[in-house]
Amino acid sequence: MDTQSIINIVLIIFSSVSGWFAREMWSAVKELKADLAKLREELPREYVMRDDYKSDIKEIKEMLLRLMEKLEHKQDK
């Protein structure tokens, strides 16, 4: 075998391995995109956003404060 044949064989092997690796990476990226889209869809159904939780808790605390104020002003005899 001459030098050119050896170089061609090495390039063919390198190209094949690179092509296989690129194809695997491409399919992994496609799977990740699909998983991310699914997660974006399901996440709001299962978990509450922090801002929504804070506003709800603030309302509850205000209601409890008003209730406590009413109880403090009530006079039982």
N, C-alpha and C. Protein backbone atom coordinates (compact mmCIF):
# COMPACT_ATOMS: atom_id res chain seq x y z
N MET A 1 0.85 -1.18 0.00
CA MET A 1 0.00 0.00 0.00
C MET A 1 0.89 1.24 0.00
N ASP A 2 0.45 2.19 -0.75
CA ASP A 2 1.21 3.44 -0.78
C ASP A 2 0.66 4.41 0.27
N THR A 3 1.33 5.50 0.45
CA THR A 3 0.99 6.49 1.48
C THR A 3 -0.39 7.10 1.23
N GLN A 4 -0.72 7.35 -0.02
CA GLN A 4 -2.02 7.96 -0.35
C GLN A 4 -3.18 7.05 0.04
N SER A 5 -3.05 5.77 -0.15
CA SER A 5 -4.11 4.82 0.22
C SER A 5 -4.31 4.80 1.74
N ILE A 6 -3.21 4.83 2.47
CA ILE A 6 -3.30 4.84 3.93
C ILE A 6 -3.98 6.12 4.41
N ILE A 7 -3.62 7.26 3.83
CA ILE A 7 -4.25 8.54 4.18
C ILE A 7 -5.74 8.50 3.86
N ASN A 8 -6.10 7.94 2.70
CA ASN A 8 -7.52 7.85 2.32
C ASN A 8 -8.30 6.95 3.29
N ILE A 9 -7.72 5.85 3.69
CA ILE A 9 -8.39 4.94 4.62
C ILE A 9 -8.59 5.62 5.97
N VAL A 10 -7.55 6.31 6.45
CA VAL A 10 -7.66 7.03 7.72
C VAL A 10 -8.74 8.11 7.63
N LEU A 11 -8.78 8.85 6.54
CA LEU A 11 -9.80 9.89 6.36
C LEU A 11 -11.21 9.30 6.30
N ILE A 12 -11.35 8.16 5.64
CA ILE A 12 -12.66 7.51 5.55
C ILE A 12 -13.11 7.07 6.94
N ILE A 13 -12.21 6.47 7.69
CA ILE A 13 -12.55 6.04 9.05
C ILE A 13 -12.90 7.24 9.92
N PHE A 14 -12.09 8.28 9.86
CA PHE A 14 -12.35 9.49 10.63
C PHE A 14 -13.68 10.12 10.25
N SER A 15 -13.97 10.19 8.96
CA SER A 15 -15.23 10.77 8.48
C SER A 15 -16.42 9.93 8.96
N SER A 16 -16.27 8.61 8.91
CA SER A 16 -17.36 7.74 9.35
C SER A 16 -17.64 7.92 10.84
N VAL A 17 -16.58 7.94 11.65
CA VAL A 17 -16.75 8.12 13.08
C VAL A 17 -17.34 9.50 13.38
N SER A 18 -16.85 10.52 12.69
CA SER A 18 -17.38 11.88 12.89
C SER A 18 -18.84 11.96 12.48
N GLY A 19 -19.21 11.34 11.39
CA GLY A 19 -20.60 11.34 10.93
C GLY A 19 -21.51 10.62 11.91
N TRP A 20 -21.06 9.48 12.43
CA TRP A 20 -21.84 8.75 13.42
C TRP A 20 -22.03 9.59 14.68
N PHE A 21 -20.95 10.21 15.14
CA PHE A 21 -21.01 11.04 16.34
C PHE A 21 -21.96 12.23 16.13
N ALA A 22 -21.87 12.88 14.97
CA ALA A 22 -22.74 14.02 14.67
C ALA A 22 -24.20 13.59 14.63
N ARG A 23 -24.47 12.42 14.06
CA ARG A 23 -25.85 11.92 14.00
C ARG A 23 -26.38 11.62 15.40
N GLU A 24 -25.56 11.04 16.25
CA GLU A 24 -25.97 10.76 17.63
C GLU A 24 -26.24 12.05 18.39
N MET A 25 -25.39 13.03 18.20
CA MET A 25 -25.58 14.32 18.87
C MET A 25 -26.86 14.99 18.37
N TRP A 26 -27.11 14.92 17.08
CA TRP A 26 -28.32 15.52 16.50
C TRP A 26 -29.58 14.89 17.08
N SER A 27 -29.58 13.55 17.19
CA SER A 27 -30.77 12.89 17.74
C SER A 27 -30.91 13.19 19.24
N ALA A 28 -29.80 13.32 19.95
CA ALA A 28 -29.88 13.67 21.37
C ALA A 28 -30.43 15.08 21.55
N VAL A 29 -30.03 16.00 20.71
CA VAL A 29 -30.54 17.37 20.80
C VAL A 29 -32.04 17.40 20.50
N LYS A 30 -32.46 16.62 19.50
CA LYS A 30 -33.89 16.56 19.18
C LYS A 30 -34.70 16.00 20.35
N GLU A 31 -34.16 14.97 21.01
CA GLU A 31 -34.84 14.41 22.18
C GLU A 31 -34.92 15.43 23.31
N LEU A 32 -33.83 16.14 23.53
CA LEU A 32 -33.83 17.16 24.59
C LEU A 32 -34.83 18.27 24.31
N LYS A 33 -34.92 18.68 23.06
CA LYS A 33 -35.90 19.70 22.71
C LYS A 33 -37.32 19.21 22.97
N ALA A 34 -37.59 17.96 22.63
CA ALA A 34 -38.93 17.40 22.86
C ALA A 34 -39.20 17.30 24.36
N ASP A 35 -38.22 16.86 25.12
CA ASP A 35 -38.39 16.77 26.58
C ASP A 35 -38.61 18.14 27.20
N LEU A 36 -37.88 19.14 26.72
CA LEU A 36 -38.04 20.49 27.25
C LEU A 36 -39.42 21.05 26.93
N ALA A 37 -39.90 20.80 25.73
CA ALA A 37 -41.24 21.25 25.37
C ALA A 37 -42.29 20.58 26.25
N LYS A 38 -42.12 19.28 26.50
CA LYS A 38 -43.05 18.55 27.37
C LYS A 38 -43.00 19.10 28.79
N LEU A 39 -41.80 19.39 29.28
CA LEU A 39 -41.64 19.94 30.62
C LEU A 39 -42.30 21.30 30.75
N ARG A 40 -42.12 22.14 29.74
CA ARG A 40 -42.75 23.47 29.76
C ARG A 40 -44.27 23.35 29.80
N GLU A 41 -44.79 22.30 29.18
CA GLU A 41 -46.23 22.09 29.15
C GLU A 41 -46.75 21.58 30.50
N GLU A 42 -46.02 20.66 31.12
CA GLU A 42 -46.49 20.02 32.34
C GLU A 42 -46.17 20.81 33.61
N LEU A 43 -45.12 21.59 33.60
CA LEU A 43 -44.66 22.26 34.81
C LEU A 43 -45.71 23.16 35.46
N PRO A 44 -46.40 24.01 34.70
CA PRO A 44 -47.40 24.88 35.36
C PRO A 44 -48.57 24.12 35.97
N ARG A 45 -48.83 22.91 35.52
CA ARG A 45 -49.94 22.14 36.08
C ARG A 45 -49.59 21.54 37.43
N GLU A 46 -48.32 21.25 37.66
CA GLU A 46 -47.91 20.56 38.88
C GLU A 46 -47.37 21.48 39.96
N TYR A 47 -46.79 22.59 39.57
CA TYR A 47 -46.14 23.46 40.53
C TYR A 47 -46.71 24.88 40.44
N VAL A 48 -46.61 25.60 41.55
CA VAL A 48 -47.10 26.97 41.60
C VAL A 48 -45.90 27.90 41.45
N MET A 49 -46.09 28.96 40.70
CA MET A 49 -45.01 29.93 40.55
C MET A 49 -44.82 30.67 41.87
N ARG A 50 -43.60 31.06 42.13
CA ARG A 50 -43.27 31.72 43.40
C ARG A 50 -44.07 33.01 43.60
N ASP A 51 -44.22 33.81 42.56
CA ASP A 51 -44.95 35.07 42.68
C ASP A 51 -46.42 34.81 43.02
N ASP A 52 -47.03 33.81 42.40
CA ASP A 52 -48.42 33.48 42.70
C ASP A 52 -48.55 33.02 44.15
N TYR A 53 -47.61 32.21 44.60
CA TYR A 53 -47.63 31.71 45.97
C TYR A 53 -47.50 32.87 46.96
N LYS A 54 -46.57 33.79 46.69
CA LYS A 54 -46.37 34.92 47.59
C LYS A 54 -47.61 35.79 47.68
N SER A 55 -48.25 36.04 46.55
CA SER A 55 -49.45 36.89 46.58
C SER A 55 -50.59 36.20 47.32
N ASP A 56 -50.73 34.89 47.14
CA ASP A 56 -51.78 34.16 47.85
C ASP A 56 -51.53 34.16 49.36
N ILE A 57 -50.30 33.93 49.75
CA ILE A 57 -49.96 33.93 51.18
C ILE A 57 -50.16 35.31 51.78
N LYS A 58 -49.84 36.35 51.01
CA LYS A 58 -50.04 37.72 51.51
C LYS A 58 -51.52 37.98 51.78
N GLU A 59 -52.38 37.53 50.87
CA GLU A 59 -53.82 37.70 51.08
C GLU A 59 -54.29 36.95 52.33
N ILE A 60 -53.80 35.75 52.53
CA ILE A 60 -54.20 34.97 53.71
C ILE A 60 -53.72 35.66 54.98
N LYS A 61 -52.50 36.16 54.98
CA LYS A 61 -51.98 36.85 56.16
C LYS A 61 -52.78 38.11 56.46
N GLU A 62 -53.19 38.85 55.43
CA GLU A 62 -54.00 40.04 55.64
C GLU A 62 -55.37 39.67 56.22
N MET A 63 -55.95 38.59 55.74
CA MET A 63 -57.24 38.15 56.28
C MET A 63 -57.10 37.74 57.74
N LEU A 64 -56.03 37.03 58.07
CA LEU A 64 -55.82 36.63 59.45
C LEU A 64 -55.56 37.84 60.35
N LEU A 65 -54.86 38.83 59.84
CA LEU A 65 -54.61 40.05 60.61
C LEU A 65 -55.91 40.77 60.92
N ARG A 66 -56.79 40.89 59.92
CA ARG A 66 -58.09 41.53 60.14
C ARG A 66 -58.92 40.74 61.15
N LEU A 67 -58.86 39.43 61.06
CA LEU A 67 -59.58 38.59 62.00
C LEU A 67 -59.05 38.78 63.42
N MET A 68 -57.75 38.82 63.57
CA MET A 68 -57.15 39.03 64.89
C MET A 68 -57.51 40.40 65.45
N GLU A 69 -57.55 41.42 64.60
CA GLU A 69 -57.93 42.76 65.06
C GLU A 69 -59.39 42.77 65.54
N LYS A 70 -60.25 42.08 64.82
CA LYS A 70 -61.65 42.01 65.24
C LYS A 70 -61.79 41.27 66.57
N LEU A 71 -61.01 40.22 66.74
CA LEU A 71 -61.08 39.48 67.99
C LEU A 71 -60.54 40.30 69.15
N GLU A 72 -59.53 41.11 68.92
CA GLU A 72 -58.98 41.94 69.97
C GLU A 72 -59.96 43.02 70.42
N HIS A 73 -60.77 43.54 69.49
CA HIS A 73 -61.72 44.60 69.82
C HIS A 73 -63.05 44.06 70.36
N LYS A 74 -63.25 42.79 70.26
CA LYS A 74 -64.49 42.20 70.75
C LYS A 74 -64.47 42.17 72.27
N GLN A 75 -65.57 42.52 72.85
CA GLN A 75 -65.67 42.54 74.32
C GLN A 75 -66.73 41.55 74.75
N ASP A 76 -66.30 40.53 75.46
CA ASP A 76 -67.25 39.57 76.03
C ASP A 76 -67.42 39.89 77.51
N LYS A 77 -68.67 39.94 77.92
CA LYS A 77 -68.93 40.22 79.33
C LYS A 77 -69.75 39.14 79.94
